[in-house]
C-alpha atoms as a PDB file:
ATOM      1  CA  MET A   1      -6.933  -4.946 -10.541  1.00  0.00           C
ATOM      2  CA  MET A   2      -4.934  -2.264  -8.685  1.00  0.00           C
ATOM      3  CA  ASP A   3      -8.149  -0.421  -7.888  1.00  0.00           C
ATOM      4  CA  GLN A   4      -9.429  -3.560  -6.156  1.00  0.00           C
ATOM      5  CA  LEU A   5      -6.242  -3.748  -4.089  1.00  0.00           C
ATOM      6  CA  ILE A   6      -6.483  -0.082  -3.113  1.00  0.00           C
ATOM      7  CA  ALA A   7     -10.126  -0.556  -2.127  1.00  0.00           C
ATOM      8  CA  ARG A   8      -9.058  -3.348   0.251  1.00  0.00           C
ATOM      9  CA  PHE A   9      -6.622  -1.173   2.213  1.00  0.00           C
ATOM     10  CA  GLY A  10      -8.830  -1.054   5.300  1.00  0.00           C
ATOM     11  CA  GLU A  11      -9.387  -4.805   5.052  1.00  0.00           C
ATOM     12  CA  GLN A  12      -5.626  -5.324   4.810  1.00  0.00           C
ATOM     13  CA  LEU A  13      -5.009  -3.219   7.916  1.00  0.00           C
ATOM     14  CA  GLU A  14      -7.570  -5.315   9.793  1.00  0.00           C
ATOM     15  CA  GLU A  15      -5.907  -8.563   8.724  1.00  0.00           C
ATOM     16  CA  ALA A  16      -2.466  -7.138   9.526  1.00  0.00           C
ATOM     17  CA  LEU A  17      -3.596  -6.328  13.062  1.00  0.00           C
ATOM     18  CA  GLN A  18      -4.862  -9.886  13.470  1.00  0.00           C
ATOM     19  CA  ILE A  19      -1.506 -11.290  12.355  1.00  0.00           C
ATOM     20  CA  ALA A  20       0.289  -8.857  14.655  1.00  0.00           C
ATOM     21  CA  SER A  21      -1.744  -9.974  17.665  1.00  0.00           C
ATOM     22  CA  ASN A  22      -0.156 -13.428  17.393  1.00  0.00           C
ATOM     23  CA  ILE A  23       3.480 -12.311  17.204  1.00  0.00           C
ATOM     24  CA  GLN A  24       5.726 -13.967  19.779  1.00  0.00           C
ATOM     25  CA  LEU A  25       9.458 -13.356  19.635  1.00  0.00           C
ATOM     26  CA  LYS A  26      12.261 -15.315  21.237  1.00  0.00           C
ATOM     27  CA  ARG A  27      13.968 -13.604  24.145  1.00  0.00           C
ATOM     28  CA  HIS A  28      17.175 -11.760  23.253  1.00  0.00           C
ATOM     29  CA  THR A  29      19.996 -11.984  25.768  1.00  0.00           C
ATOM     30  CA  ARG A  30      21.312  -8.450  25.231  1.00  0.00           C
ATOM     31  CA  LYS A  31      19.630  -5.074  25.670  1.00  0.00           C
ATOM     32  CA  ILE A  32      18.384  -3.566  22.421  1.00  0.00           C
ATOM     33  CA  ASN A  33      19.575   0.015  22.018  1.00  0.00           C
ATOM     34  CA  LYS A  34      18.962   0.583  18.293  1.00  0.00           C
ATOM     35  CA  VAL A  35      16.843  -0.706  15.406  1.00  0.00           C
ATOM     36  CA  TYR A  36      17.877  -1.280  11.801  1.00  0.00           C
ATOM     37  CA  VAL A  37      15.459  -2.228   9.011  1.00  0.00           C
ATOM     38  CA  ALA A  38      16.553  -3.541   5.612  1.00  0.00           C
ATOM     39  CA  GLY A  39      13.876  -3.110   2.940  1.00  0.00           C
ATOM     40  CA  LEU A  40      13.235  -1.493  -0.431  1.00  0.00           C
ATOM     41  CA  GLY A  41      10.315  -0.291  -2.523  1.00  0.00           C
ATOM     42  CA  GLY A  42       6.902  -1.381  -1.343  1.00  0.00           C
ATOM     43  CA  SER A  43       8.534  -3.369   1.458  1.00  0.00           C
ATOM     44  CA  GLY A  44      10.773  -0.536   2.625  1.00  0.00           C
ATOM     45  CA  ILE A  45       8.235   2.283   2.711  1.00  0.00           C
ATOM     46  CA  GLY A  46       6.502   0.670   5.702  1.00  0.00           C
ATOM     47  CA  ALA A  47       9.648   1.186   7.755  1.00  0.00           C
ATOM     48  CA  ASP A  48       9.739   4.854   6.732  1.00  0.00           C
ATOM     49  CA  PHE A  49       6.242   5.246   8.125  1.00  0.00           C
ATOM     50  CA  VAL A  50       7.215   3.475  11.339  1.00  0.00           C
ATOM     51  CA  ALA A  51      10.180   5.810  11.769  1.00  0.00           C
ATOM     52  CA  ALA A  52       7.887   8.832  11.465  1.00  0.00           C
ATOM     53  CA  ILE A  53       5.225   7.385  13.753  1.00  0.00           C
ATOM     54  CA  ILE A  54       7.517   6.387  16.626  1.00  0.00           C
ATOM     55  CA  ARG A  55      10.008   9.226  16.646  1.00  0.00           C
ATOM     56  CA  LYS A  56       8.330  10.997  19.574  1.00  0.00           C
ATOM     57  CA  GLU A  57       8.010   7.786  21.574  1.00  0.00           C
ATOM     58  CA  SER A  58      11.013   5.561  20.914  1.00  0.00           C
ATOM     59  CA  LYS A  59      14.014   6.253  23.116  1.00  0.00           C
ATOM     60  CA  ILE A  60      16.384   4.461  20.748  1.00  0.00           C
ATOM     61  CA  PRO A  61      17.457   5.179  17.137  1.00  0.00           C
ATOM     62  CA  PHE A  62      15.510   3.658  14.246  1.00  0.00           C
ATOM     63  CA  LEU A  63      17.231   3.580  10.849  1.00  0.00           C
ATOM     64  CA  VAL A  64      16.043   2.256   7.487  1.00  0.00           C
ATOM     65  CA  GLY A  65      18.528   0.905   4.947  1.00  0.00           C
ATOM     66  CA  LYS A  66      17.659   0.715   1.243  1.00  0.00           C
ATOM     67  CA  GLY A  67      20.688  -0.849  -0.327  1.00  0.00           C
ATOM     68  CA  TYR A  68      23.071  -3.784  -0.194  1.00  0.00           C
ATOM     69  CA  ASP A  69      25.135  -2.716   2.800  1.00  0.00           C
ATOM     70  CA  ILE A  70      24.460  -2.426   6.533  1.00  0.00           C
ATOM     71  CA  PRO A  71      25.865   0.087   9.043  1.00  0.00           C
ATOM     72  CA  ALA A  72      29.016  -0.819  10.989  1.00  0.00           C
ATOM     73  CA  TYR A  73      27.184  -0.206  14.279  1.00  0.00           C
ATOM     74  CA  VAL A  74      24.863  -3.222  13.863  1.00  0.00           C
ATOM     75  CA  ASP A  75      25.776  -5.542  16.740  1.00  0.00           C
ATOM     76  CA  GLY A  76      24.306  -7.699  19.479  1.00  0.00           C
ATOM     77  CA  ASN A  77      22.390  -4.723  20.854  1.00  0.00           C
ATOM     78  CA  THR A  78      20.565  -4.197  17.545  1.00  0.00           C
ATOM     79  CA  LEU A  79      17.089  -5.292  16.529  1.00  0.00           C
ATOM     80  CA  ALA A  80      17.497  -5.992  12.805  1.00  0.00           C
ATOM     81  CA  ILE A  81      14.353  -6.409  10.696  1.00  0.00           C
ATOM     82  CA  ALA A  82      14.616  -7.767   7.149  1.00  0.00           C
ATOM     83  CA  SER A  83      11.478  -6.815   5.219  1.00  0.00           C
ATOM     84  CA  SER A  84      10.721  -8.148   1.748  1.00  0.00           C
ATOM     85  CA  TYR A  85       7.227  -9.015   0.557  1.00  0.00           C
ATOM     86  CA  SER A  86       8.435 -11.658  -1.895  1.00  0.00           C
ATOM     87  CA  GLY A  87      11.309 -12.763   0.309  1.00  0.00           C
ATOM     88  CA  ASN A  88      13.564 -12.653  -2.742  1.00  0.00           C
ATOM     89  CA  THR A  89      14.553  -8.985  -3.027  1.00  0.00           C
ATOM     90  CA  GLU A  90      18.208  -9.019  -4.085  1.00  0.00           C
ATOM     91  CA  GLU A  91      19.382  -6.082  -1.984  1.00  0.00           C
ATOM     92  CA  THR A  92      17.527  -7.215   1.139  1.00  0.00           C
ATOM     93  CA  LEU A  93      18.894 -10.764   0.850  1.00  0.00           C
ATOM     94  CA  HIS A  94      22.408  -9.344   0.541  1.00  0.00           C
ATOM     95  CA  SER A  95      21.859  -7.203   3.646  1.00  0.00           C
ATOM     96  CA  PHE A  96      20.342 -10.185   5.454  1.00  0.00           C
ATOM     97  CA  ARG A  97      23.460 -12.263   4.866  1.00  0.00           C
ATOM     98  CA  LYS A  98      25.533  -9.447   6.340  1.00  0.00           C
ATOM     99  CA  LEU A  99      23.182  -9.189   9.331  1.00  0.00           C
ATOM    100  CA  GLU A 100      23.730 -12.884   9.966  1.00  0.00           C
ATOM    101  CA  LYS A 101      27.416 -12.185  10.548  1.00  0.00           C
ATOM    102  CA  THR A 102      26.532  -9.937  13.490  1.00  0.00           C
ATOM    103  CA  ASP A 103      24.973 -10.851  16.815  1.00  0.00           C
ATOM    104  CA  ALA A 104      21.889  -8.768  16.066  1.00  0.00           C
ATOM    105  CA  LYS A 105      18.390  -9.879  17.015  1.00  0.00           C
ATOM    106  CA  ILE A 106      17.067 -10.747  13.531  1.00  0.00           C
ATOM    107  CA  VAL A 107      13.364 -10.737  12.657  1.00  0.00           C
ATOM    108  CA  VAL A 108      12.084 -11.398   9.122  1.00  0.00           C
ATOM    109  CA  VAL A 109       8.850  -9.976   7.688  1.00  0.00           C
ATOM    110  CA  SER A 110       7.873 -11.638   4.407  1.00  0.00           C
ATOM    111  CA  SER A 111       5.265 -13.675   2.559  1.00  0.00           C
ATOM    112  CA  GLY A 112       7.757 -16.422   1.726  1.00  0.00           C
ATOM    113  CA  GLY A 113      10.724 -16.865  -0.579  1.00  0.00           C
ATOM    114  CA  LYS A 114      14.347 -17.242   0.444  1.00  0.00           C
ATOM    115  CA  LEU A 115      14.022 -15.011   3.507  1.00  0.00           C
ATOM    116  CA  ILE A 116      11.342 -17.123   5.188  1.00  0.00           C
ATOM    117  CA  LYS A 117      13.166 -20.330   4.285  1.00  0.00           C
ATOM    118  CA  ALA A 118      16.384 -19.001   5.821  1.00  0.00           C
ATOM    119  CA  ALA A 119      14.584 -17.869   8.970  1.00  0.00           C
ATOM    120  CA  GLN A 120      12.945 -21.264   9.376  1.00  0.00           C
ATOM    121  CA  ARG A 121      16.176 -23.123   8.713  1.00  0.00           C
ATOM    122  CA  LYS A 122      18.274 -21.048  11.101  1.00  0.00           C
ATOM    123  CA  GLY A 123      15.721 -20.435  13.827  1.00  0.00           C
ATOM    124  CA  TYR A 124      15.264 -16.690  13.397  1.00  0.00           C
ATOM    125  CA  ASP A 125      11.997 -15.068  14.372  1.00  0.00           C
ATOM    126  CA  PHE A 126       9.764 -14.332  11.400  1.00  0.00           C
ATOM    127  CA  VAL A 127       6.328 -12.905  10.677  1.00  0.00           C
ATOM    128  CA  LYS A 128       4.658 -14.437   7.624  1.00  0.00           C
ATOM    129  CA  ILE A 129       2.211 -12.222   5.776  1.00  0.00           C
ATOM    130  CA  PRO A 130      -0.270 -13.341   3.080  1.00  0.00           C
ATOM    131  CA  ASP A 131       1.260 -14.185  -0.306  1.00  0.00           C
ATOM    132  CA  SER A 132      -1.931 -13.609  -2.311  1.00  0.00           C
ATOM    133  CA  TRP A 133      -1.333  -9.933  -3.169  1.00  0.00           C
ATOM    134  CA  PRO A 134       0.181  -9.485  -6.669  1.00  0.00           C
ATOM    135  CA  SER A 135       1.972  -6.216  -5.940  1.00  0.00           C
ATOM    136  CA  PRO A 136       4.321  -5.399  -3.004  1.00  0.00           C
ATOM    137  CA  ARG A 137       3.429  -1.706  -3.177  1.00  0.00           C
ATOM    138  CA  ALA A 138      -0.161  -2.647  -2.354  1.00  0.00           C
ATOM    139  CA  CYS A 139       0.997  -4.262   0.911  1.00  0.00           C
ATOM    140  CA  LEU A 140       1.999  -1.212   2.931  1.00  0.00           C
ATOM    141  CA  GLY A 141      -0.474  -2.128   5.670  1.00  0.00           C
ATOM    142  CA  TYR A 142       1.147  -5.498   6.294  1.00  0.00           C
ATOM    143  CA  SER A 143       4.734  -4.248   6.644  1.00  0.00           C
ATOM    144  CA  LEU A 144       3.788  -1.136   8.618  1.00  0.00           C
ATOM    145  CA  VAL A 145       1.666  -2.986  11.168  1.00  0.00           C
ATOM    146  CA  GLN A 146       4.040  -5.931  11.618  1.00  0.00           C
ATOM    147  CA  GLN A 147       6.990  -3.661  12.291  1.00  0.00           C
ATOM    148  CA  LEU A 148       5.021  -1.655  14.852  1.00  0.00           C
ATOM    149  CA  ALA A 149       3.976  -4.928  16.501  1.00  0.00           C
ATOM    150  CA  ILE A 150       7.565  -6.194  16.578  1.00  0.00           C
ATOM    151  CA  LEU A 151       8.694  -2.986  18.286  1.00  0.00           C
ATOM    152  CA  GLN A 152       5.860  -3.297  20.789  1.00  0.00           C
ATOM    153  CA  GLU A 153       6.680  -6.939  21.461  1.00  0.00           C
ATOM    154  CA  MET A 154      10.292  -5.959  22.104  1.00  0.00           C
ATOM    155  CA  GLY A 155       9.178  -3.283  24.576  1.00  0.00           C
ATOM    156  CA  ILE A 156      10.466  -0.402  22.457  1.00  0.00           C
ATOM    157  CA  ILE A 157       7.050   1.261  22.044  1.00  0.00           C
ATOM    158  CA  SER A 158       3.617   0.959  23.623  1.00  0.00           C
ATOM    159  CA  ASP A 159       0.447  -0.244  21.892  1.00  0.00           C
ATOM    160  CA  LYS A 160      -0.635   3.339  21.199  1.00  0.00           C
ATOM    161  CA  SER A 161       0.294   3.292  17.505  1.00  0.00           C
ATOM    162  CA  LEU A 162      -1.458  -0.009  16.803  1.00  0.00           C
ATOM    163  CA  LYS A 163      -4.593   1.322  18.472  1.00  0.00           C
ATOM    164  CA  SER A 164      -4.376   4.328  16.155  1.00  0.00           C
ATOM    165  CA  VAL A 165      -4.136   1.982  13.166  1.00  0.00           C
ATOM    166  CA  ARG A 166      -7.352   0.302  14.299  1.00  0.00           C
ATOM    167  CA  ARG A 167      -9.109   3.653  14.565  1.00  0.00           C
ATOM    168  CA  SER A 168      -7.812   4.501  11.090  1.00  0.00           C
ATOM    169  CA  ILE A 169      -9.764   1.601   9.596  1.00  0.00           C
ATOM    170  CA  ALA A 170     -13.064   3.145  10.665  1.00  0.00           C
ATOM    171  CA  LEU A 171     -11.952   6.553   9.379  1.00  0.00           C
ATOM    172  CA  LEU A 172     -11.033   5.178   5.948  1.00  0.00           C
ATOM    173  CA  ASN A 173     -14.231   3.156   5.679  1.00  0.00           C
ATOM    174  CA  ASN A 174     -16.338   6.193   6.562  1.00  0.00           C
ATOM    175  CA  GLU A 175     -14.459   8.483   4.176  1.00  0.00           C
ATOM    176  CA  GLU A 176     -14.012   6.071   1.256  1.00  0.00           C
ATOM    177  CA  SER A 177     -16.571   7.721  -1.006  1.00  0.00           C
ATOM    178  CA  SER A 178     -15.327  11.277  -0.405  1.00  0.00           C
ATOM    179  CA  ILE A 179     -11.704  10.160  -0.728  1.00  0.00           C
ATOM    180  CA  LYS A 180     -12.364   8.673  -4.169  1.00  0.00           C
ATOM    181  CA  LYS A 181     -14.271  11.770  -5.238  1.00  0.00           C
ATOM    182  CA  GLU A 182     -11.419  14.076  -4.219  1.00  0.00           C
ATOM    183  CA  ALA A 183      -8.837  11.747  -5.780  1.00  0.00           C
ATOM    184  CA  ARG A 184     -10.607  11.942  -9.150  1.00  0.00           C
ATOM    185  CA  LYS A 185     -10.496  15.743  -9.044  1.00  0.00           C
ATOM    186  CA  ILE A 186      -6.815  15.791  -8.142  1.00  0.00           C
ATOM    187  CA  ALA A 187      -5.960  13.265 -10.865  1.00  0.00           C
ATOM    188  CA  LYS A 188      -7.653  15.437 -13.490  1.00  0.00           C
ATOM    189  CA  ARG A 189      -5.505  18.373 -12.466  1.00  0.00           C
ATOM    190  CA  LEU A 190      -2.373  16.224 -12.559  1.00  0.00           C
ATOM    191  CA  HIS A 191      -3.093  14.793 -16.008  1.00  0.00           C
ATOM    192  CA  GLN A 192      -0.553  15.912 -18.625  1.00  0.00           C
ATOM    193  CA  ARG A 193       1.409  17.806 -15.977  1.00  0.00           C
ATOM    194  CA  MET A 194       4.346  16.939 -13.744  1.00  0.00           C
ATOM    195  CA  PRO A 195       3.498  16.774 -10.034  1.00  0.00           C
ATOM    196  CA  VAL A 196       5.701  18.442  -7.428  1.00  0.00           C
ATOM    197  CA  ILE A 197       4.914  17.200  -3.911  1.00  0.00           C
ATOM    198  CA  TYR A 198       5.650  19.177  -0.748  1.00  0.00           C
ATOM    199  CA  ALA A 199       4.923  18.184   2.844  1.00  0.00           C
ATOM    200  CA  GLU A 200       6.097  18.903   6.358  1.00  0.00           C
ATOM    201  CA  ASP A 201       9.232  16.910   7.198  1.00  0.00           C
ATOM    202  CA  ARG A 202       7.512  14.740   9.826  1.00  0.00           C
ATOM    203  CA  ILE A 203       5.236  13.196   7.168  1.00  0.00           C
ATOM    204  CA  GLU A 204       7.823  12.848   4.414  1.00  0.00           C
ATOM    205  CA  PRO A 205       6.964   9.123   4.035  1.00  0.00           C
ATOM    206  CA  VAL A 206       3.517  10.175   2.785  1.00  0.00           C
ATOM    207  CA  ALA A 207       5.119  12.352   0.116  1.00  0.00           C
ATOM    208  CA  VAL A 208       7.517   9.547  -0.824  1.00  0.00           C
ATOM    209  CA  ARG A 209       4.627   7.096  -1.021  1.00  0.00           C
ATOM    210  CA  LEU A 210       2.640   9.382  -3.334  1.00  0.00           C
ATOM    211  CA  ARG A 211       5.686   9.936  -5.541  1.00  0.00           C
ATOM    212  CA  GLN A 212       6.301   6.198  -5.791  1.00  0.00           C
ATOM    213  CA  GLN A 213       2.645   5.455  -6.539  1.00  0.00           C
ATOM    214  CA  ILE A 214       2.583   8.030  -9.321  1.00  0.00           C
ATOM    215  CA  ASN A 215       5.797   6.481 -10.667  1.00  0.00           C
ATOM    216  CA  GLU A 216       4.565   2.874 -10.572  1.00  0.00           C
ATOM    217  CA  ASN A 217       0.799   3.083 -10.926  1.00  0.00           C
ATOM    218  CA  SER A 218       0.506   6.128 -13.177  1.00  0.00           C
ATOM    219  CA  LYS A 219       3.792   5.544 -15.051  1.00  0.00           C
ATOM    220  CA  ALA A 220       4.769   9.198 -14.641  1.00  0.00           C
ATOM    221  CA  LEU A 221       7.681  11.160 -13.243  1.00  0.00           C
ATOM    222  CA  CYS A 222       7.401  13.589 -10.346  1.00  0.00           C
ATOM    223  CA  TRP A 223       9.477  14.823  -7.425  1.00  0.00           C
ATOM    224  CA  HIS A 224       9.035  15.724  -3.770  1.00  0.00           C
ATOM    225  CA  HIS A 225      10.681  17.783  -1.050  1.00  0.00           C
ATOM    226  CA  VAL A 226       9.929  18.732   2.550  1.00  0.00           C
ATOM    227  CA  ILE A 227       9.240  21.872   4.544  1.00  0.00           C
ATOM    228  CA  PRO A 228      11.313  23.539   5.970  1.00  0.00           C
ATOM    229  CA  GLU A 229      14.374  22.023   4.216  1.00  0.00           C
ATOM    230  CA  MET A 230      13.243  23.039   0.712  1.00  0.00           C
ATOM    231  CA  ASN A 231      13.116  26.664   1.900  1.00  0.00           C
ATOM    232  CA  HIS A 232      16.911  26.517   2.139  1.00  0.00           C
ATOM    233  CA  ASN A 233      17.539  25.284  -1.408  1.00  0.00           C
ATOM    234  CA  GLU A 234      14.770  24.198  -3.795  1.00  0.00           C
ATOM    235  CA  LEU A 235      12.707  27.358  -3.352  1.00  0.00           C
ATOM    236  CA  VAL A 236      15.486  29.273  -5.088  1.00  0.00           C
ATOM    237  CA  GLY A 237      15.056  26.993  -8.105  1.00  0.00           C
ATOM    238  CA  TRP A 238      11.608  28.417  -8.816  1.00  0.00           C
ATOM    239  CA  LYS A 239      12.646  30.948 -11.447  1.00  0.00           C
ATOM    240  CA  ASP A 240      10.933  29.897 -14.683  1.00  0.00           C
ATOM    241  CA  LYS A 241       7.237  29.994 -15.501  1.00  0.00           C
ATOM    242  CA  ASN A 242       5.942  26.505 -16.242  1.00  0.00           C
ATOM    243  CA  LYS A 243       2.215  25.754 -16.487  1.00  0.00           C
ATOM    244  CA  ASP A 244       3.038  22.070 -16.916  1.00  0.00           C
ATOM    245  CA  LEU A 245       3.987  21.791 -13.238  1.00  0.00           C
ATOM    246  CA  VAL A 246       1.343  21.219 -10.560  1.00  0.00           C
ATOM    247  CA  VAL A 247       2.294  21.568  -6.894  1.00  0.00           C
ATOM    248  CA  LEU A 248       0.648  19.419  -4.233  1.00  0.00           C
ATOM    249  CA  TYR A 249       0.903  20.467  -0.594  1.00  0.00           C
ATOM    250  CA  LEU A 250       0.128  17.577   1.756  1.00  0.00           C
ATOM    251  CA  ARG A 251      -1.027  19.223   4.958  1.00  0.00           C
ATOM    252  CA  ASN A 252      -2.271  18.593   8.478  1.00  0.00           C
ATOM    253  CA  LYS A 253      -4.138  21.112  10.603  1.00  0.00           C
ATOM    254  CA  ASP A 254      -1.637  20.456  13.409  1.00  0.00           C
ATOM    255  CA  ASP A 255       1.478  21.042  11.298  1.00  0.00           C
ATOM    256  CA  PHE A 256       4.046  23.079  13.228  1.00  0.00           C
ATOM    257  CA  LYS A 257       2.876  26.709  13.143  1.00  0.00           C
ATOM    258  CA  ARG A 258       6.069  28.067  11.604  1.00  0.00           C
ATOM    259  CA  ASN A 259       5.849  25.440   8.860  1.00  0.00           C
ATOM    260  CA  GLN A 260       2.253  26.419   8.117  1.00  0.00           C
ATOM    261  CA  ILE A 261       3.407  30.019   7.722  1.00  0.00           C
ATOM    262  CA  ARG A 262       6.248  28.857   5.478  1.00  0.00           C
ATOM    263  CA  MET A 263       3.807  26.946   3.245  1.00  0.00           C
ATOM    264  CA  GLU A 264       1.635  30.030   2.801  1.00  0.00           C
ATOM    265  CA  ILE A 265       4.622  32.217   1.897  1.00  0.00           C
ATOM    266  CA  ASN A 266       5.983  29.497  -0.409  1.00  0.00           C
ATOM    267  CA  GLN A 267       2.734  29.432  -2.326  1.00  0.00           C
ATOM    268  CA  LYS A 268       2.808  33.196  -2.854  1.00  0.00           C
ATOM    269  CA  ILE A 269       6.245  32.773  -4.408  1.00  0.00           C
ATOM    270  CA  ILE A 270       5.452  29.690  -6.492  1.00  0.00           C
ATOM    271  CA  LYS A 271       2.218  31.179  -7.880  1.00  0.00           C
ATOM    272  CA  LYS A 272       4.413  33.521  -9.918  1.00  0.00           C
ATOM    273  CA  TYR A 273       5.654  30.497 -11.875  1.00  0.00           C
ATOM    274  CA  THR A 274       2.692  28.103 -12.014  1.00  0.00           C
ATOM    275  CA  PRO A 275      -1.004  28.656 -11.286  1.00  0.00           C
ATOM    276  CA  ASN A 276      -1.435  24.961 -10.443  1.00  0.00           C
ATOM    277  CA  ILE A 277      -1.285  24.642  -6.670  1.00  0.00           C
ATOM    278  CA  ILE A 278      -3.391  22.178  -4.664  1.00  0.00           C
ATOM    279  CA  ASN A 279      -3.648  22.038  -0.873  1.00  0.00           C
ATOM    280  CA  ILE A 280      -4.619  18.589   0.375  1.00  0.00           C
ATOM    281  CA  PHE A 281      -5.595  18.423   4.034  1.00  0.00           C
ATOM    282  CA  SER A 282      -5.695  15.196   6.006  1.00  0.00           C
ATOM    283  CA  LYS A 283      -8.471  13.971   8.264  1.00  0.00           C
ATOM    284  CA  GLY A 284      -8.147  12.142  11.571  1.00  0.00           C
ATOM    285  CA  THR A 285      -7.424  12.825  15.225  1.00  0.00           C
ATOM    286  CA  ASP A 286      -3.789  11.705  15.429  1.00  0.00           C
ATOM    287  CA  LEU A 287      -0.691  11.390  13.245  1.00  0.00           C
ATOM    288  CA  VAL A 288      -1.262   7.742  12.277  1.00  0.00           C
ATOM    289  CA  GLN A 289      -4.817   8.390  11.097  1.00  0.00           C
ATOM    290  CA  ARG A 290      -3.811  11.498   9.189  1.00  0.00           C
ATOM    291  CA  MET A 291      -0.919   9.775   7.449  1.00  0.00           C
ATOM    292  CA  LEU A 292      -2.995   6.740   6.461  1.00  0.00           C
ATOM    293  CA  TYR A 293      -5.800   9.010   5.238  1.00  0.00           C
ATOM    294  CA  LEU A 294      -3.361  10.838   2.948  1.00  0.00           C
ATOM    295  CA  VAL A 295      -1.886   7.517   1.809  1.00  0.00           C
ATOM    296  CA  HIS A 296      -5.282   6.202   0.779  1.00  0.00           C
ATOM    297  CA  LEU A 297      -6.163   9.443  -0.985  1.00  0.00           C
ATOM    298  CA  GLY A 298      -2.824   9.385  -2.784  1.00  0.00           C
ATOM    299  CA  ASP A 299      -3.204   5.751  -3.822  1.00  0.00           C
ATOM    300  CA  TRP A 300      -6.597   6.454  -5.364  1.00  0.00           C
ATOM    301  CA  THR A 301      -5.207   9.567  -7.060  1.00  0.00           C
ATOM    302  CA  SER A 302      -2.451   7.488  -8.679  1.00  0.00           C
ATOM    303  CA  TRP A 303      -5.036   4.965  -9.879  1.00  0.00           C
ATOM    304  CA  TYR A 304      -7.293   7.589 -11.475  1.00  0.00           C
ATOM    305  CA  LEU A 305      -4.254   9.232 -13.063  1.00  0.00           C
ATOM    306  CA  ALA A 306      -3.270   5.844 -14.493  1.00  0.00           C
ATOM    307  CA  GLU A 307      -6.746   5.600 -16.032  1.00  0.00           C
ATOM    308  CA  LEU A 308      -6.449   9.060 -17.575  1.00  0.00           C
ATOM    309  CA  ARG A 309      -3.022   8.154 -18.955  1.00  0.00           C
ATOM    310  CA  GLU A 310      -4.380   4.792 -20.196  1.00  0.00           C
ATOM    311  CA  GLN A 311      -1.745   2.893 -18.234  1.00  0.00           C
ATOM    312  CA  ASP A 312      -1.858  -0.537 -16.614  1.00  0.00           C
ATOM    313  CA  ALA A 313      -1.301   0.282 -12.931  1.00  0.00           C
ATOM    314  CA  ILE A 314      -0.073  -3.240 -12.113  1.00  0.00           C
ATOM    315  CA  GLU A 315       2.499  -3.569 -14.903  1.00  0.00           C
ATOM    316  CA  VAL A 316       6.177  -3.007 -13.985  1.00  0.00           C
ATOM    317  CA  ASN A 317       7.876  -4.526 -17.041  1.00  0.00           C
ATOM    318  CA  VAL A 318      10.900  -2.244 -16.840  1.00  0.00           C
ATOM    319  CA  ILE A 319      11.655  -3.454 -13.288  1.00  0.00           C
ATOM    320  CA  ASP A 320      11.267  -7.060 -14.437  1.00  0.00           C
ATOM    321  CA  TYR A 321      13.667  -6.330 -17.297  1.00  0.00           C
ATOM    322  CA  LEU A 322      16.181  -4.804 -14.893  1.00  0.00           C
ATOM    323  CA  LYS A 323      16.022  -7.846 -12.612  1.00  0.00           C
ATOM    324  CA  GLY A 324      16.435 -10.142 -15.605  1.00  0.00           C
ATOM    325  CA  GLU A 325      19.528  -8.292 -16.791  1.00  0.00           C
ATOM    326  CA  LEU A 326      21.008  -8.288 -13.269  1.00  0.00           C
ATOM    327  CA  ALA A 327      20.420 -12.051 -13.043  1.00  0.00           C
ATOM    328  CA  LYS A 328      22.708 -12.548 -16.033  1.00  0.00           C
ATOM    329  CA  VAL A 329      25.603 -10.955 -14.137  1.00  0.00           C
ATOM    330  CA  LYS A 330      27.201 -13.038 -11.413  1.00  0.00           C
END
């Protein structure tokens, strides 16, 4: 089933844009000078992408919180977005209740659950997304697009990013066959090895997304780091030969020149310890397209790796167990 959800990514982006076109938010009486998003897992990663996409345009800070607490600076000048696909995520609900004690402009993004009910009951703005998708991690398009639309509606960004999302749909549709072909090849090289994912810092959400998809879909461990930060610490850790590691470099042709040079030098060093190095280059004409291209390629890679590992990509029994145990503790 997960393969069917991945295949519908372009369709989801199209539907998300349609939902976004109808967003109307109540006027806030105070000037917004910062944004805070509460969200975890498949619902939180969308905010990470938004942060990366808008950082050269937004004139105000944008912070993502992935826990129970909220920053002390959240006040009446804050746009606070609570994002949970189910509407019942424990940590997000806890954060939401804390947000309610501030004068922040609260907007909920969810398919239902307690969050939507609270928003309806208390008159908060909310964006309802479809509840027919069985896995939150397959709903990146919904959360990403709705948050961009909320920021646009609030006058924080222009419509440039949403236009890029629309162009991305055509790119993904045109490249679907080649993406799947490349993903199969990458998955074969990852099979029975531990992936190490490196990317330029500005696209770290893509690396995080791939790591999470390998964790959840493929049921495998891996880690990631970013260039140039890893050159100041993790690079020193490459001291032991290990053919069971495979290094993925997620790259864009317009990566900062010094970072491109760093990646080439890094690979010379790392080749001494593992021969398994893969350079994956994005396609597209702007950052949004390139990030979504790499996301789609990574999602398919995680699916094919799940097949090779004979794993059910949808199943998350250990998370269900954790939630069940937590529910016993008041």
